[in-house]
Amino acid sequence: METILVHPENQEQVEVIKAFFNALKIKFESEKTGSAKRMIEEKGIRSKENAYDLYILTAEQKQRLEQSRSSIRSGDFKTNDQIKTEVAAWLHSL
C-alpha cells in the first residue's frame, strides 16, 4: 500500500481534508505539527518507502485518489466551499 502525508496550510484545508477522508471512509490519523515526525520515529520508519506501513488504502480508495489527482492536473476541480457543501450534503444523506 501507499502512504500519503498531507501538509495543509490552514484550518479550512484541514477540515476539507478530514471531511473528504471521512466521506470516502478512509482511515486516517491526525497529528499536530511536529508530532508526525515523532510518530514516524516511534514506528521505526527510516525511509519514504518504509513509510507506506503507516496507512493502508484499498485499491478502490487509491483509484479514487488517482482520479482526484487527474482532475486537479486538468483544472477540473471545485473550491473548498463547494466541496464542503457537497460533502456535508452527502454525509447527511447517509
N, C-alpha and C. Protein backbone atom coordinates (compact mmCIF):
# COMPACT_ATOMS: atom_id res chain seq x y z
N MET A 1 0.83 -1.18 0.00
CA MET A 1 0.00 0.00 0.00
C MET A 1 0.87 1.25 0.00
N GLU A 2 0.23 2.36 -0.03
CA GLU A 2 0.93 3.64 -0.15
C GLU A 2 0.55 4.57 0.99
N THR A 3 1.50 5.35 1.45
CA THR A 3 1.25 6.34 2.48
C THR A 3 1.23 7.72 1.84
N ILE A 4 0.29 8.52 2.26
CA ILE A 4 0.18 9.88 1.75
C ILE A 4 0.26 10.83 2.94
N LEU A 5 1.26 11.68 2.96
CA LEU A 5 1.37 12.69 4.00
C LEU A 5 0.84 14.00 3.42
N VAL A 6 -0.07 14.62 4.13
CA VAL A 6 -0.71 15.83 3.66
C VAL A 6 -0.26 16.99 4.55
N HIS A 7 0.03 18.12 3.94
CA HIS A 7 0.50 19.29 4.69
C HIS A 7 -0.42 20.48 4.41
N PRO A 8 -1.59 20.53 5.05
CA PRO A 8 -2.50 21.66 4.83
C PRO A 8 -1.88 22.96 5.33
N GLU A 9 -2.25 24.04 4.68
CA GLU A 9 -1.69 25.35 5.00
C GLU A 9 -2.54 26.15 5.99
N ASN A 10 -3.80 25.72 6.19
CA ASN A 10 -4.66 26.45 7.11
C ASN A 10 -5.75 25.52 7.64
N GLN A 11 -6.50 25.99 8.62
CA GLN A 11 -7.54 25.16 9.26
C GLN A 11 -8.64 24.77 8.29
N GLU A 12 -8.98 25.65 7.37
CA GLU A 12 -10.01 25.33 6.38
C GLU A 12 -9.61 24.10 5.56
N GLN A 13 -8.36 24.05 5.15
CA GLN A 13 -7.88 22.89 4.39
C GLN A 13 -7.91 21.63 5.25
N VAL A 14 -7.57 21.75 6.52
CA VAL A 14 -7.62 20.61 7.43
C VAL A 14 -9.04 20.06 7.48
N GLU A 15 -10.03 20.92 7.63
CA GLU A 15 -11.42 20.50 7.72
C GLU A 15 -11.89 19.83 6.43
N VAL A 16 -11.51 20.37 5.28
CA VAL A 16 -11.91 19.78 4.00
C VAL A 16 -11.27 18.40 3.82
N ILE A 17 -10.00 18.29 4.16
CA ILE A 17 -9.29 17.00 4.03
C ILE A 17 -9.93 15.95 4.94
N LYS A 18 -10.22 16.32 6.18
CA LYS A 18 -10.86 15.38 7.09
C LYS A 18 -12.24 14.97 6.59
N ALA A 19 -13.00 15.92 6.08
CA ALA A 19 -14.33 15.62 5.54
C ALA A 19 -14.22 14.69 4.34
N PHE A 20 -13.23 14.93 3.49
CA PHE A 20 -13.01 14.09 2.31
C PHE A 20 -12.69 12.65 2.72
N PHE A 21 -11.74 12.49 3.66
CA PHE A 21 -11.37 11.15 4.11
C PHE A 21 -12.55 10.46 4.78
N ASN A 22 -13.28 11.19 5.60
CA ASN A 22 -14.46 10.60 6.26
C ASN A 22 -15.51 10.20 5.24
N ALA A 23 -15.73 11.03 4.23
CA ALA A 23 -16.74 10.74 3.21
C ALA A 23 -16.39 9.47 2.45
N LEU A 24 -15.10 9.24 2.19
CA LEU A 24 -14.66 8.04 1.48
C LEU A 24 -14.40 6.87 2.42
N LYS A 25 -14.63 7.10 3.71
CA LYS A 25 -14.41 6.09 4.74
C LYS A 25 -12.95 5.61 4.73
N ILE A 26 -12.05 6.58 4.57
CA ILE A 26 -10.61 6.30 4.61
C ILE A 26 -10.15 6.54 6.05
N LYS A 27 -9.52 5.54 6.64
CA LYS A 27 -8.99 5.70 7.99
C LYS A 27 -7.78 6.63 7.92
N PHE A 28 -7.67 7.51 8.90
CA PHE A 28 -6.54 8.43 8.92
C PHE A 28 -6.20 8.78 10.36
N GLU A 29 -4.99 9.26 10.53
CA GLU A 29 -4.54 9.75 11.83
C GLU A 29 -4.26 11.23 11.68
N SER A 30 -4.64 11.99 12.66
CA SER A 30 -4.41 13.42 12.63
C SER A 30 -3.47 13.78 13.77
N GLU A 31 -2.41 14.49 13.43
CA GLU A 31 -1.40 14.86 14.43
C GLU A 31 -1.10 16.34 14.28
N LYS A 32 -0.76 16.99 15.37
CA LYS A 32 -0.34 18.38 15.33
C LYS A 32 1.05 18.47 14.70
N THR A 33 1.41 19.65 14.21
CA THR A 33 2.71 19.87 13.60
C THR A 33 3.83 19.38 14.51
N GLY A 34 4.77 18.67 13.92
CA GLY A 34 5.91 18.17 14.67
C GLY A 34 5.71 16.76 15.19
N SER A 35 4.48 16.38 15.48
CA SER A 35 4.26 15.05 16.04
C SER A 35 4.26 13.99 14.95
N ALA A 36 4.07 14.37 13.68
CA ALA A 36 4.16 13.38 12.60
C ALA A 36 5.57 12.82 12.53
N LYS A 37 6.56 13.68 12.68
CA LYS A 37 7.95 13.22 12.69
C LYS A 37 8.17 12.26 13.85
N ARG A 38 7.63 12.61 15.01
CA ARG A 38 7.75 11.76 16.19
C ARG A 38 7.07 10.41 15.95
N MET A 39 5.88 10.44 15.32
CA MET A 39 5.15 9.22 15.04
C MET A 39 5.96 8.32 14.11
N ILE A 40 6.59 8.91 13.10
CA ILE A 40 7.40 8.13 12.16
C ILE A 40 8.59 7.51 12.90
N GLU A 41 9.22 8.29 13.76
CA GLU A 41 10.36 7.77 14.52
C GLU A 41 9.94 6.64 15.45
N GLU A 42 8.77 6.78 16.10
CA GLU A 42 8.29 5.75 17.02
C GLU A 42 8.01 4.45 16.30
N LYS A 43 7.54 4.53 15.06
CA LYS A 43 7.21 3.33 14.30
C LYS A 43 8.43 2.76 13.59
N GLY A 44 9.58 3.39 13.77
CA GLY A 44 10.81 2.87 13.18
C GLY A 44 10.92 3.08 11.68
N ILE A 45 10.21 4.08 11.16
CA ILE A 45 10.26 4.37 9.73
C ILE A 45 11.55 5.11 9.44
N ARG A 46 12.37 4.56 8.57
CA ARG A 46 13.65 5.18 8.26
C ARG A 46 13.73 5.73 6.85
N SER A 47 12.81 5.36 6.01
CA SER A 47 12.84 5.85 4.63
C SER A 47 11.42 6.07 4.14
N LYS A 48 11.30 6.83 3.06
CA LYS A 48 9.99 7.11 2.48
C LYS A 48 9.31 5.81 2.07
N GLU A 49 10.06 4.88 1.53
CA GLU A 49 9.48 3.60 1.07
C GLU A 49 8.86 2.83 2.24
N ASN A 50 9.53 2.85 3.40
CA ASN A 50 9.01 2.13 4.56
C ASN A 50 7.84 2.86 5.22
N ALA A 51 7.65 4.11 4.89
CA ALA A 51 6.56 4.89 5.50
C ALA A 51 5.20 4.39 5.04
N TYR A 52 5.15 3.58 4.00
CA TYR A 52 3.87 3.08 3.49
C TYR A 52 3.12 2.23 4.51
N ASP A 53 3.79 1.78 5.54
CA ASP A 53 3.14 0.98 6.56
C ASP A 53 2.22 1.80 7.47
N LEU A 54 2.31 3.12 7.42
CA LEU A 54 1.51 3.96 8.31
C LEU A 54 0.02 3.91 7.96
N TYR A 55 -0.31 3.93 6.70
CA TYR A 55 -1.71 3.95 6.27
C TYR A 55 -1.92 2.87 5.21
N ILE A 56 -3.06 2.26 5.23
CA ILE A 56 -3.38 1.24 4.23
C ILE A 56 -4.63 1.69 3.49
N LEU A 57 -4.50 1.80 2.17
CA LEU A 57 -5.62 2.18 1.33
C LEU A 57 -6.03 0.98 0.49
N THR A 58 -7.32 0.83 0.28
CA THR A 58 -7.78 -0.23 -0.62
C THR A 58 -7.50 0.19 -2.05
N ALA A 59 -7.58 -0.75 -2.97
CA ALA A 59 -7.37 -0.44 -4.38
C ALA A 59 -8.39 0.59 -4.85
N GLU A 60 -9.62 0.47 -4.39
CA GLU A 60 -10.67 1.42 -4.77
C GLU A 60 -10.35 2.83 -4.25
N GLN A 61 -9.88 2.92 -3.01
CA GLN A 61 -9.53 4.22 -2.45
C GLN A 61 -8.36 4.84 -3.21
N LYS A 62 -7.38 4.02 -3.54
CA LYS A 62 -6.23 4.51 -4.30
C LYS A 62 -6.68 5.01 -5.67
N GLN A 63 -7.60 4.28 -6.31
CA GLN A 63 -8.12 4.68 -7.62
C GLN A 63 -8.85 6.02 -7.51
N ARG A 64 -9.63 6.21 -6.48
CA ARG A 64 -10.34 7.49 -6.29
C ARG A 64 -9.36 8.64 -6.10
N LEU A 65 -8.30 8.40 -5.34
CA LEU A 65 -7.30 9.44 -5.14
C LEU A 65 -6.60 9.77 -6.46
N GLU A 66 -6.30 8.76 -7.26
CA GLU A 66 -5.67 9.00 -8.56
C GLU A 66 -6.60 9.80 -9.48
N GLN A 67 -7.89 9.50 -9.43
CA GLN A 67 -8.86 10.25 -10.23
C GLN A 67 -8.89 11.71 -9.78
N SER A 68 -8.79 11.92 -8.49
CA SER A 68 -8.77 13.29 -7.97
C SER A 68 -7.53 14.03 -8.43
N ARG A 69 -6.39 13.36 -8.37
CA ARG A 69 -5.14 13.98 -8.85
C ARG A 69 -5.26 14.36 -10.31
N SER A 70 -5.84 13.47 -11.11
CA SER A 70 -6.00 13.73 -12.54
C SER A 70 -6.91 14.94 -12.77
N SER A 71 -7.97 15.05 -12.00
CA SER A 71 -8.88 16.19 -12.13
C SER A 71 -8.18 17.49 -11.79
N ILE A 72 -7.36 17.45 -10.75
CA ILE A 72 -6.63 18.65 -10.35
C ILE A 72 -5.66 19.07 -11.44
N ARG A 73 -4.93 18.09 -11.99
CA ARG A 73 -3.97 18.40 -13.06
C ARG A 73 -4.66 19.03 -14.27
N SER A 74 -5.87 18.57 -14.57
CA SER A 74 -6.59 19.07 -15.75
C SER A 74 -7.36 20.36 -15.45
N GLY A 75 -7.36 20.80 -14.20
CA GLY A 75 -8.07 22.02 -13.83
C GLY A 75 -9.54 21.80 -13.56
N ASP A 76 -9.96 20.54 -13.53
CA ASP A 76 -11.36 20.20 -13.29
C ASP A 76 -11.56 19.92 -11.80
N PHE A 77 -11.68 20.99 -11.01
CA PHE A 77 -11.86 20.84 -9.58
C PHE A 77 -12.76 21.95 -9.04
N LYS A 78 -13.14 21.81 -7.77
CA LYS A 78 -14.05 22.75 -7.15
C LYS A 78 -13.36 23.47 -5.99
N THR A 79 -13.94 24.58 -5.58
CA THR A 79 -13.37 25.34 -4.46
C THR A 79 -13.63 24.59 -3.15
N ASN A 80 -12.91 24.97 -2.10
CA ASN A 80 -13.10 24.36 -0.79
C ASN A 80 -14.54 24.50 -0.31
N ASP A 81 -15.14 25.67 -0.52
CA ASP A 81 -16.53 25.88 -0.08
C ASP A 81 -17.50 24.96 -0.82
N GLN A 82 -17.29 24.77 -2.13
CA GLN A 82 -18.15 23.87 -2.90
C GLN A 82 -18.02 22.43 -2.39
N ILE A 83 -16.80 22.02 -2.12
CA ILE A 83 -16.56 20.66 -1.63
C ILE A 83 -17.18 20.47 -0.26
N LYS A 84 -16.99 21.44 0.63
CA LYS A 84 -17.58 21.34 1.98
C LYS A 84 -19.10 21.17 1.89
N THR A 85 -19.73 21.97 1.04
CA THR A 85 -21.18 21.90 0.89
C THR A 85 -21.61 20.54 0.37
N GLU A 86 -20.91 20.04 -0.65
CA GLU A 86 -21.27 18.74 -1.23
C GLU A 86 -21.01 17.59 -0.26
N VAL A 87 -19.88 17.63 0.43
CA VAL A 87 -19.57 16.57 1.40
C VAL A 87 -20.59 16.58 2.52
N ALA A 88 -20.93 17.76 3.03
CA ALA A 88 -21.92 17.86 4.11
C ALA A 88 -23.26 17.30 3.65
N ALA A 89 -23.68 17.64 2.44
CA ALA A 89 -24.95 17.12 1.91
C ALA A 89 -24.90 15.60 1.77
N TRP A 90 -23.77 15.10 1.28
CA TRP A 90 -23.62 13.66 1.10
C TRP A 90 -23.65 12.95 2.45
N LEU A 91 -22.94 13.50 3.44
CA LEU A 91 -22.91 12.88 4.76
C LEU A 91 -24.30 12.86 5.40
N HIS A 92 -25.06 13.93 5.19
CA HIS A 92 -26.41 13.99 5.75
C HIS A 92 -27.34 12.99 5.08
N SER A 93 -27.02 12.59 3.86
CA SER A 93 -27.87 11.64 3.14
C SER A 93 -27.64 10.21 3.57
N LEU A 94 -26.57 9.96 4.34
CA LEU A 94 -26.26 8.59 4.76
C LEU A 94 -27.17 8.10 5.85
